[in-house]
Amino acid sequence: MLPLTADRRVVRSPDLIATEMDGDIVMMHVSSGQYFGISGVGPRIWALLERPMTVEQMTNTIVSEYRVDEQTCRGDILIFVQALLDQGAAQII
């Protein structure tokens, strides 16, 4: 797998079924049957991943919508997206 960097394009995995529940996202990985849940800013990032997007583009969007500095935001997004990649919920393209 390619390493995650701010300029890599990431998109949701097609192997997931996801739905919104009370502002959170609940997902199931079809092939493994694993369930995942995301909350907080996670559902917004999940929405952004509907189409291929770089971490840098996600950072710019989140910084414009929330009160967070760019460096903290980028670091948090890298951690969050890496967790999605590790769980098979997203993929680098």
PDB file of N, CA and C in Angstrom:
ATOM      1  N   MET A   1       0.836  -1.179   0.000  1.00  0.00           N
ATOM      2  CA  MET A   1       0.000   0.000   0.000  1.00  0.00           C
ATOM      3  C   MET A   1       0.885   1.248   0.000  1.00  0.00           C
ATOM      4  N   LEU A   2       0.444   2.275  -0.701  1.00  0.00           N
ATOM      5  CA  LEU A   2       1.162   3.541  -0.732  1.00  0.00           C
ATOM      6  C   LEU A   2       1.092   4.221   0.629  1.00  0.00           C
ATOM      7  N   PRO A   3       2.150   4.934   1.019  1.00  0.00           N
ATOM      8  CA  PRO A   3       2.084   5.657   2.292  1.00  0.00           C
ATOM      9  C   PRO A   3       1.138   6.857   2.177  1.00  0.00           C
ATOM     10  N   LEU A   4       0.449   7.173   3.257  1.00  0.00           N
ATOM     11  CA  LEU A   4      -0.463   8.310   3.272  1.00  0.00           C
ATOM     12  C   LEU A   4       0.327   9.591   3.477  1.00  0.00           C
ATOM     13  N   THR A   5       0.163  10.531   2.559  1.00  0.00           N
ATOM     14  CA  THR A   5       0.744  11.865   2.675  1.00  0.00           C
ATOM     15  C   THR A   5      -0.355  12.862   2.330  1.00  0.00           C
ATOM     16  N   ALA A   6      -0.105  14.132   2.609  1.00  0.00           N
ATOM     17  CA  ALA A   6      -1.117  15.167   2.409  1.00  0.00           C
ATOM     18  C   ALA A   6      -1.532  15.332   0.945  1.00  0.00           C
ATOM     19  N   ASP A   7      -0.694  14.865   0.002  1.00  0.00           N
ATOM     20  CA  ASP A   7      -1.024  15.026  -1.412  1.00  0.00           C
ATOM     21  C   ASP A   7      -1.612  13.766  -2.058  1.00  0.00           C
ATOM     22  N   ARG A   8      -1.788  12.697  -1.298  1.00  0.00           N
ATOM     23  CA  ARG A   8      -2.394  11.469  -1.840  1.00  0.00           C
ATOM     24  C   ARG A   8      -3.906  11.624  -1.901  1.00  0.00           C
ATOM     25  N   ARG A   9      -4.487  11.104  -2.983  1.00  0.00           N
ATOM     26  CA  ARG A   9      -5.948  11.143  -3.119  1.00  0.00           C
ATOM     27  C   ARG A   9      -6.549   9.908  -2.458  1.00  0.00           C
ATOM     28  N   VAL A  10      -7.558  10.140  -1.641  1.00  0.00           N
ATOM     29  CA  VAL A  10      -8.216   9.088  -0.879  1.00  0.00           C
ATOM     30  C   VAL A  10      -9.703   9.120  -1.202  1.00  0.00           C
ATOM     31  N   VAL A  11     -10.324   7.949  -1.185  1.00  0.00           N
ATOM     32  CA  VAL A  11     -11.757   7.844  -1.444  1.00  0.00           C
ATOM     33  C   VAL A  11     -12.313   6.708  -0.587  1.00  0.00           C
ATOM     34  N   ARG A  12     -13.607   6.739  -0.353  1.00  0.00           N
ATOM     35  CA  ARG A  12     -14.267   5.665   0.399  1.00  0.00           C
ATOM     36  C   ARG A  12     -14.070   4.327  -0.303  1.00  0.00           C
ATOM     37  N   SER A  13     -14.019   3.278   0.466  1.00  0.00           N
ATOM     38  CA  SER A  13     -13.955   1.926  -0.092  1.00  0.00           C
ATOM     39  C   SER A  13     -15.324   1.546  -0.638  1.00  0.00           C
ATOM     40  N   PRO A  14     -15.371   0.926  -1.811  1.00  0.00           N
ATOM     41  CA  PRO A  14     -16.664   0.488  -2.352  1.00  0.00           C
ATOM     42  C   PRO A  14     -17.221  -0.721  -1.603  1.00  0.00           C
ATOM     43  N   ASP A  15     -16.443  -1.320  -0.724  1.00  0.00           N
ATOM     44  CA  ASP A  15     -16.867  -2.507   0.022  1.00  0.00           C
ATOM     45  C   ASP A  15     -17.592  -2.171   1.315  1.00  0.00           C
ATOM     46  N   LEU A  16     -18.014  -0.919   1.485  1.00  0.00           N
ATOM     47  CA  LEU A  16     -18.678  -0.506   2.717  1.00  0.00           C
ATOM     48  C   LEU A  16     -20.117  -0.083   2.469  1.00  0.00           C
ATOM     49  N   ILE A  17     -20.938  -0.392   3.446  1.00  0.00           N
ATOM     50  CA  ILE A  17     -22.297   0.134   3.504  1.00  0.00           C
ATOM     51  C   ILE A  17     -22.304   1.084   4.688  1.00  0.00           C
ATOM     52  N   ALA A  18     -22.793   2.298   4.490  1.00  0.00           N
ATOM     53  CA  ALA A  18     -22.778   3.292   5.560  1.00  0.00           C
ATOM     54  C   ALA A  18     -24.116   4.009   5.631  1.00  0.00           C
ATOM     55  N   THR A  19     -24.473   4.402   6.849  1.00  0.00           N
ATOM     56  CA  THR A  19     -25.691   5.169   7.051  1.00  0.00           C
ATOM     57  C   THR A  19     -25.488   6.159   8.187  1.00  0.00           C
ATOM     58  N   GLU A  20     -26.241   7.230   8.166  1.00  0.00           N
ATOM     59  CA  GLU A  20     -26.188   8.246   9.213  1.00  0.00           C
ATOM     60  C   GLU A  20     -27.208   7.903  10.287  1.00  0.00           C
ATOM     61  N   MET A  21     -26.785   8.013  11.547  1.00  0.00           N
ATOM     62  CA  MET A  21     -27.668   7.773  12.686  1.00  0.00           C
ATOM     63  C   MET A  21     -27.399   8.841  13.740  1.00  0.00           C
ATOM     64  N   ASP A  22     -28.336   9.771  13.910  1.00  0.00           N
ATOM     65  CA  ASP A  22     -28.198  10.828  14.919  1.00  0.00           C
ATOM     66  C   ASP A  22     -26.909  11.620  14.780  1.00  0.00           C
ATOM     67  N   GLY A  23     -26.502  11.916  13.566  1.00  0.00           N
ATOM     68  CA  GLY A  23     -25.307  12.705  13.316  1.00  0.00           C
ATOM     69  C   GLY A  23     -24.024  11.912  13.234  1.00  0.00           C
ATOM     70  N   ASP A  24     -24.061  10.642  13.589  1.00  0.00           N
ATOM     71  CA  ASP A  24     -22.898   9.771  13.489  1.00  0.00           C
ATOM     72  C   ASP A  24     -23.030   8.918  12.226  1.00  0.00           C
ATOM     73  N   ILE A  25     -21.948   8.292  11.825  1.00  0.00           N
ATOM     74  CA  ILE A  25     -21.968   7.376  10.682  1.00  0.00           C
ATOM     75  C   ILE A  25     -21.687   5.971  11.205  1.00  0.00           C
ATOM     76  N   VAL A  26     -22.527   5.028  10.803  1.00  0.00           N
ATOM     77  CA  VAL A  26     -22.333   3.622  11.127  1.00  0.00           C
ATOM     78  C   VAL A  26     -22.070   2.907   9.812  1.00  0.00           C
ATOM     79  N   MET A  27     -21.002   2.103   9.787  1.00  0.00           N
ATOM     80  CA  MET A  27     -20.590   1.444   8.552  1.00  0.00           C
ATOM     81  C   MET A  27     -20.408  -0.046   8.793  1.00  0.00           C
ATOM     82  N   MET A  28     -20.597  -0.808   7.736  1.00  0.00           N
ATOM     83  CA  MET A  28     -20.292  -2.235   7.777  1.00  0.00           C
ATOM     84  C   MET A  28     -19.446  -2.569   6.557  1.00  0.00           C
ATOM     85  N   HIS A  29     -18.334  -3.249   6.805  1.00  0.00           N
ATOM     86  CA  HIS A  29     -17.477  -3.723   5.724  1.00  0.00           C
ATOM     87  C   HIS A  29     -18.109  -5.009   5.207  1.00  0.00           C
ATOM     88  N   VAL A  30     -18.546  -5.016   3.957  1.00  0.00           N
ATOM     89  CA  VAL A  30     -19.316  -6.109   3.387  1.00  0.00           C
ATOM     90  C   VAL A  30     -18.574  -7.440   3.433  1.00  0.00           C
ATOM     91  N   SER A  31     -17.313  -7.456   3.023  1.00  0.00           N
ATOM     92  CA  SER A  31     -16.604  -8.731   2.931  1.00  0.00           C
ATOM     93  C   SER A  31     -16.204  -9.301   4.293  1.00  0.00           C
ATOM     94  N   SER A  32     -15.915  -8.440   5.278  1.00  0.00           N
ATOM     95  CA  SER A  32     -15.486  -8.947   6.586  1.00  0.00           C
ATOM     96  C   SER A  32     -16.607  -8.983   7.612  1.00  0.00           C
ATOM     97  N   GLY A  33     -17.677  -8.215   7.367  1.00  0.00           N
ATOM     98  CA  GLY A  33     -18.771  -8.148   8.333  1.00  0.00           C
ATOM     99  C   GLY A  33     -18.470  -7.265   9.531  1.00  0.00           C
ATOM    100  N   GLN A  34     -17.348  -6.558   9.527  1.00  0.00           N
ATOM    101  CA  GLN A  34     -16.985  -5.673  10.629  1.00  0.00           C
ATOM    102  C   GLN A  34     -17.824  -4.404  10.589  1.00  0.00           C
ATOM    103  N   TYR A  35     -18.200  -3.936  11.787  1.00  0.00           N
ATOM    104  CA  TYR A  35     -18.925  -2.676  11.925  1.00  0.00           C
ATOM    105  C   TYR A  35     -17.987  -1.601  12.447  1.00  0.00           C
ATOM    106  N   PHE A  36     -18.223  -0.352  12.012  1.00  0.00           N
ATOM    107  CA  PHE A  36     -17.451   0.795  12.456  1.00  0.00           C
ATOM    108  C   PHE A  36     -18.416   1.936  12.718  1.00  0.00           C
ATOM    109  N   GLY A  37     -18.015   2.844  13.571  1.00  0.00           N
ATOM    110  CA  GLY A  37     -18.792   4.046  13.811  1.00  0.00           C
ATOM    111  C   GLY A  37     -17.873   5.242  13.884  1.00  0.00           C
ATOM    112  N   ILE A  38     -18.330   6.371  13.358  1.00  0.00           N
ATOM    113  CA  ILE A  38     -17.549   7.606  13.450  1.00  0.00           C
ATOM    114  C   ILE A  38     -18.466   8.733  13.895  1.00  0.00           C
ATOM    115  N   SER A  39     -17.877   9.648  14.665  1.00  0.00           N
ATOM    116  CA  SER A  39     -18.648  10.771  15.185  1.00  0.00           C
ATOM    117  C   SER A  39     -17.781  12.022  15.166  1.00  0.00           C
ATOM    118  N   GLY A  40     -18.274  13.073  15.765  1.00  0.00           N
ATOM    119  CA  GLY A  40     -17.535  14.336  15.798  1.00  0.00           C
ATOM    120  C   GLY A  40     -17.407  14.911  14.397  1.00  0.00           C
ATOM    121  N   VAL A  41     -16.199  15.270  13.998  1.00  0.00           N
ATOM    122  CA  VAL A  41     -15.937  15.796  12.654  1.00  0.00           C
ATOM    123  C   VAL A  41     -15.821  14.652  11.640  1.00  0.00           C
ATOM    124  N   GLY A  42     -15.684  13.430  12.137  1.00  0.00           N
ATOM    125  CA  GLY A  42     -15.545  12.263  11.267  1.00  0.00           C
ATOM    126  C   GLY A  42     -16.611  12.147  10.183  1.00  0.00           C
ATOM    127  N   PRO A  43     -17.905  12.331  10.514  1.00  0.00           N
ATOM    128  CA  PRO A  43     -18.923  12.255   9.455  1.00  0.00           C
ATOM    129  C   PRO A  43     -18.727  13.295   8.345  1.00  0.00           C
ATOM    130  N   ARG A  44     -18.202  14.472   8.701  1.00  0.00           N
ATOM    131  CA  ARG A  44     -17.944  15.487   7.668  1.00  0.00           C
ATOM    132  C   ARG A  44     -16.817  15.019   6.748  1.00  0.00           C
ATOM    133  N   ILE A  45     -15.768  14.447   7.331  1.00  0.00           N
ATOM    134  CA  ILE A  45     -14.670  13.936   6.511  1.00  0.00           C
ATOM    135  C   ILE A  45     -15.166  12.781   5.651  1.00  0.00           C
ATOM    136  N   TRP A  46     -16.001  11.922   6.225  1.00  0.00           N
ATOM    137  CA  TRP A  46     -16.576  10.811   5.470  1.00  0.00           C
ATOM    138  C   TRP A  46     -17.355  11.335   4.264  1.00  0.00           C
ATOM    139  N   ALA A  47     -18.112  12.402   4.458  1.00  0.00           N
ATOM    140  CA  ALA A  47     -18.864  13.004   3.350  1.00  0.00           C
ATOM    141  C   ALA A  47     -17.911  13.510   2.268  1.00  0.00           C
ATOM    142  N   LEU A  48     -16.811  14.113   2.677  1.00  0.00           N
ATOM    143  CA  LEU A  48     -15.829  14.602   1.701  1.00  0.00           C
ATOM    144  C   LEU A  48     -15.227  13.465   0.893  1.00  0.00           C
ATOM    145  N   LEU A  49     -15.093  12.296   1.520  1.00  0.00           N
ATOM    146  CA  LEU A  49     -14.474  11.149   0.842  1.00  0.00           C
ATOM    147  C   LEU A  49     -15.407  10.459  -0.142  1.00  0.00           C
ATOM    148  N   GLU A  50     -16.571  11.020  -0.360  1.00  0.00           N
ATOM    149  CA  GLU A  50     -17.476  10.458  -1.361  1.00  0.00           C
ATOM    150  C   GLU A  50     -16.836  10.522  -2.747  1.00  0.00           C
ATOM    151  N   ARG A  51     -16.005  11.532  -2.941  1.00  0.00           N
ATOM    152  CA  ARG A  51     -15.234  11.630  -4.185  1.00  0.00           C
ATOM    153  C   ARG A  51     -13.765  11.705  -3.816  1.00  0.00           C
ATOM    154  N   PRO A  52     -12.876  11.299  -4.704  1.00  0.00           N
ATOM    155  CA  PRO A  52     -11.444  11.336  -4.382  1.00  0.00           C
ATOM    156  C   PRO A  52     -10.997  12.734  -3.969  1.00  0.00           C
ATOM    157  N   MET A  53     -10.252  12.795  -2.883  1.00  0.00           N
ATOM    158  CA  MET A  53      -9.815  14.071  -2.339  1.00  0.00           C
ATOM    159  C   MET A  53      -8.495  13.868  -1.616  1.00  0.00           C
ATOM    160  N   THR A  54      -7.624  14.867  -1.690  1.00  0.00           N
ATOM    161  CA  THR A  54      -6.367  14.786  -0.954  1.00  0.00           C
ATOM    162  C   THR A  54      -6.590  15.221   0.493  1.00  0.00           C
ATOM    163  N   VAL A  55      -5.677  14.812   1.352  1.00  0.00           N
ATOM    164  CA  VAL A  55      -5.721  15.244   2.742  1.00  0.00           C
ATOM    165  C   VAL A  55      -5.620  16.763   2.805  1.00  0.00           C
ATOM    166  N   GLU A  56      -4.827  17.334   1.920  1.00  0.00           N
ATOM    167  CA  GLU A  56      -4.684  18.793   1.886  1.00  0.00           C
ATOM    168  C   GLU A  56      -6.022  19.466   1.553  1.00  0.00           C
ATOM    169  N   GLN A  57      -6.759  18.926   0.597  1.00  0.00           N
ATOM    170  CA  GLN A  57      -8.073  19.478   0.268  1.00  0.00           C
ATOM    171  C   GLN A  57      -9.043  19.333   1.447  1.00  0.00           C
ATOM    172  N   MET A  58      -9.016  18.168   2.107  1.00  0.00           N
ATOM    173  CA  MET A  58      -9.862  17.977   3.289  1.00  0.00           C
ATOM    174  C   MET A  58      -9.498  18.982   4.372  1.00  0.00           C
ATOM    175  N   THR A  59      -8.202  19.180   4.591  1.00  0.00           N
ATOM    176  CA  THR A  59      -7.737  20.133   5.597  1.00  0.00           C
ATOM    177  C   THR A  59      -8.259  21.522   5.298  1.00  0.00           C
ATOM    178  N   ASN A  60      -8.135  21.971   4.061  1.00  0.00           N
ATOM    179  CA  ASN A  60      -8.608  23.307   3.692  1.00  0.00           C
ATOM    180  C   ASN A  60     -10.106  23.448   3.944  1.00  0.00           C
ATOM    181  N   THR A  61     -10.876  22.411   3.625  1.00  0.00           N
ATOM    182  CA  THR A  61     -12.323  22.453   3.840  1.00  0.00           C
ATOM    183  C   THR A  61     -12.657  22.517   5.324  1.00  0.00           C
ATOM    184  N   ILE A  62     -12.050  21.641   6.118  1.00  0.00           N
ATOM    185  CA  ILE A  62     -12.351  21.588   7.548  1.00  0.00           C
ATOM    186  C   ILE A  62     -11.909  22.876   8.253  1.00  0.00           C
ATOM    187  N   VAL A  63     -10.750  23.417   7.897  1.00  0.00           N
ATOM    188  CA  VAL A  63     -10.280  24.673   8.491  1.00  0.00           C
ATOM    189  C   VAL A  63     -11.263  25.805   8.190  1.00  0.00           C
ATOM    190  N   SER A  64     -11.856  25.791   7.004  1.00  0.00           N
ATOM    191  CA  SER A  64     -12.808  26.852   6.651  1.00  0.00           C
ATOM    192  C   SER A  64     -14.159  26.687   7.361  1.00  0.00           C
ATOM    193  N   GLU A  65     -14.458  25.482   7.833  1.00  0.00           N
ATOM    194  CA  GLU A  65     -15.762  25.215   8.446  1.00  0.00           C
ATOM    195  C   GLU A  65     -15.726  25.144   9.979  1.00  0.00           C
ATOM    196  N   TYR A  66     -14.561  24.875  10.557  1.00  0.00           N
ATOM    197  CA  TYR A  66     -14.428  24.710  12.003  1.00  0.00           C
ATOM    198  C   TYR A  66     -13.331  25.625  12.538  1.00  0.00           C
ATOM    199  N   ARG A  67     -13.361  25.863  13.827  1.00  0.00           N
ATOM    200  CA  ARG A  67     -12.339  26.691  14.466  1.00  0.00           C
ATOM    201  C   ARG A  67     -11.175  25.794  14.877  1.00  0.00           C
ATOM    202  N   VAL A  68     -10.259  25.601  13.953  1.00  0.00           N
ATOM    203  CA  VAL A  68      -9.086  24.767  14.194  1.00  0.00           C
ATOM    204  C   VAL A  68      -7.936  25.303  13.346  1.00  0.00           C
ATOM    205  N   ASP A  69      -6.730  25.239  13.898  1.00  0.00           N
ATOM    206  CA  ASP A  69      -5.599  25.713  13.100  1.00  0.00           C
ATOM    207  C   ASP A  69      -5.218  24.635  12.081  1.00  0.00           C
ATOM    208  N   GLU A  70      -4.611  25.085  11.010  1.00  0.00           N
ATOM    209  CA  GLU A  70      -4.309  24.219   9.872  1.00  0.00           C
ATOM    210  C   GLU A  70      -3.397  23.049  10.234  1.00  0.00           C
ATOM    211  N   GLN A  71      -2.353  23.289  11.003  1.00  0.00           N
ATOM    212  CA  GLN A  71      -1.399  22.233  11.336  1.00  0.00           C
ATOM    213  C   GLN A  71      -2.061  21.138  12.180  1.00  0.00           C
ATOM    214  N   THR A  72      -2.830  21.531  13.184  1.00  0.00           N
ATOM    215  CA  THR A  72      -3.536  20.550  14.018  1.00  0.00           C
ATOM    216  C   THR A  72      -4.538  19.770  13.193  1.00  0.00           C
ATOM    217  N   CYS A  73      -5.274  20.488  12.354  1.00  0.00           N
ATOM    218  CA  CYS A  73      -6.281  19.855  11.505  1.00  0.00           C
ATOM    219  C   CYS A  73      -5.646  18.819  10.579  1.00  0.00           C
ATOM    220  N   ARG A  74      -4.580  19.185   9.894  1.00  0.00           N
ATOM    221  CA  ARG A  74      -3.909  18.264   8.967  1.00  0.00           C
ATOM    222  C   ARG A  74      -3.426  17.012   9.703  1.00  0.00           C
ATOM    223  N   GLY A  75      -2.814  17.199  10.859  1.00  0.00           N
ATOM    224  CA  GLY A  75      -2.333  16.065  11.639  1.00  0.00           C
ATOM    225  C   GLY A  75      -3.462  15.140  12.064  1.00  0.00           C
ATOM    226  N   ASP A  76      -4.569  15.738  12.531  1.00  0.00           N
ATOM    227  CA  ASP A  76      -5.720  14.931  12.950  1.00  0.00           C
ATOM    228  C   ASP A  76      -6.345  14.198  11.775  1.00  0.00           C
ATOM    229  N   ILE A  77      -6.434  14.861  10.628  1.00  0.00           N
ATOM    230  CA  ILE A  77      -7.006  14.210   9.445  1.00  0.00           C
ATOM    231  C   ILE A  77      -6.109  13.064   8.983  1.00  0.00           C
ATOM    232  N   LEU A  78      -4.807  13.267   8.997  1.00  0.00           N
ATOM    233  CA  LEU A  78      -3.896  12.182   8.617  1.00  0.00           C
ATOM    234  C   LEU A  78      -4.098  10.959   9.516  1.00  0.00           C
ATOM    235  N   ILE A  79      -4.235  11.178  10.817  1.00  0.00           N
ATOM    236  CA  ILE A  79      -4.465  10.071  11.748  1.00  0.00           C
ATOM    237  C   ILE A  79      -5.803   9.397  11.468  1.00  0.00           C
ATOM    238  N   PHE A  80      -6.857  10.202  11.291  1.00  0.00           N
ATOM    239  CA  PHE A  80      -8.189   9.659  11.048  1.00  0.00           C
ATOM    240  C   PHE A  80      -8.248   8.875   9.735  1.00  0.00           C
ATOM    241  N   VAL A  81      -7.715   9.461   8.678  1.00  0.00           N
ATOM    242  CA  VAL A  81      -7.748   8.794   7.369  1.00  0.00           C
ATOM    243  C   VAL A  81      -6.891   7.531   7.390  1.00  0.00           C
ATOM    244  N   GLN A  82      -5.757   7.569   8.090  1.00  0.00           N
ATOM    245  CA  GLN A  82      -4.941   6.357   8.197  1.00  0.00           C
ATOM    246  C   GLN A  82      -5.728   5.249   8.891  1.00  0.00           C
ATOM    247  N   ALA A  83      -6.507   5.591   9.900  1.00  0.00           N
ATOM    248  CA  ALA A  83      -7.339   4.593  10.581  1.00  0.00           C
ATOM    249  C   ALA A  83      -8.384   4.028   9.618  1.00  0.00           C
ATOM    250  N   LEU A  84      -8.982   4.879   8.782  1.00  0.00           N
ATOM    251  CA  LEU A  84      -9.927   4.398   7.774  1.00  0.00           C
ATOM    252  C   LEU A  84      -9.238   3.443   6.805  1.00  0.00           C
ATOM    253  N   LEU A  85      -8.029   3.798   6.381  1.00  0.00           N
ATOM    254  CA  LEU A  85      -7.272   2.939   5.473  1.00  0.00           C
ATOM    255  C   LEU A  85      -6.942   1.601   6.134  1.00  0.00           C
ATOM    256  N   ASP A  86      -6.514   1.654   7.378  1.00  0.00           N
ATOM    257  CA  ASP A  86      -6.144   0.433   8.105  1.00  0.00           C
ATOM    258  C   ASP A  86      -7.332  -0.516   8.255  1.00  0.00           C
ATOM    259  N   GLN A  87      -8.533   0.045   8.372  1.00  0.00           N
ATOM    260  CA  GLN A  87      -9.738  -0.762   8.555  1.00  0.00           C
ATOM    261  C   GLN A  87     -10.386  -1.163   7.213  1.00  0.00           C
ATOM    262  N   GLY A  88      -9.825  -0.678   6.116  1.00  0.00           N
ATOM    263  CA  GLY A  88     -10.396  -0.987   4.801  1.00  0.00           C
ATOM    264  C   GLY A  88     -11.604  -0.141   4.457  1.00  0.00           C
ATOM    265  N   ALA A  89     -11.825   0.944   5.193  1.00  0.00           N
ATOM    266  CA  ALA A  89     -12.968   1.818   4.941  1.00  0.00           C
ATOM    267  C   ALA A  89     -12.680   2.847   3.860  1.00  0.00           C
ATOM    268  N   ALA A  90     -11.417   3.051   3.535  1.00  0.00           N
ATOM    269  CA  ALA A  90     -11.013   3.996   2.491  1.00  0.00           C
ATOM    270  C   ALA A  90      -9.814   3.420   1.762  1.00  0.00           C
ATOM    271  N   GLN A  91      -9.511   4.019   0.625  1.00  0.00           N
ATOM    272  CA  GLN A  91      -8.368   3.551  -0.166  1.00  0.00           C
ATOM    273  C   GLN A  91      -7.685   4.739  -0.843  1.00  0.00           C
ATOM    274  N   ILE A  92      -6.386   4.614  -1.018  1.00  0.00           N
ATOM    275  CA  ILE A  92      -5.616   5.606  -1.759  1.00  0.00           C
ATOM    276  C   ILE A  92      -5.720   5.264  -3.224  1.00  0.00           C
ATOM    277  N   ILE A  93      -5.979   6.270  -4.031  1.00  0.00           N
ATOM    278  CA  ILE A  93      -6.059   6.014  -5.487  1.00  0.00           C
ATOM    279  C   ILE A  93      -5.017   6.847  -6.220  1.00  0.00           C
TER     280      ILE A  93
END
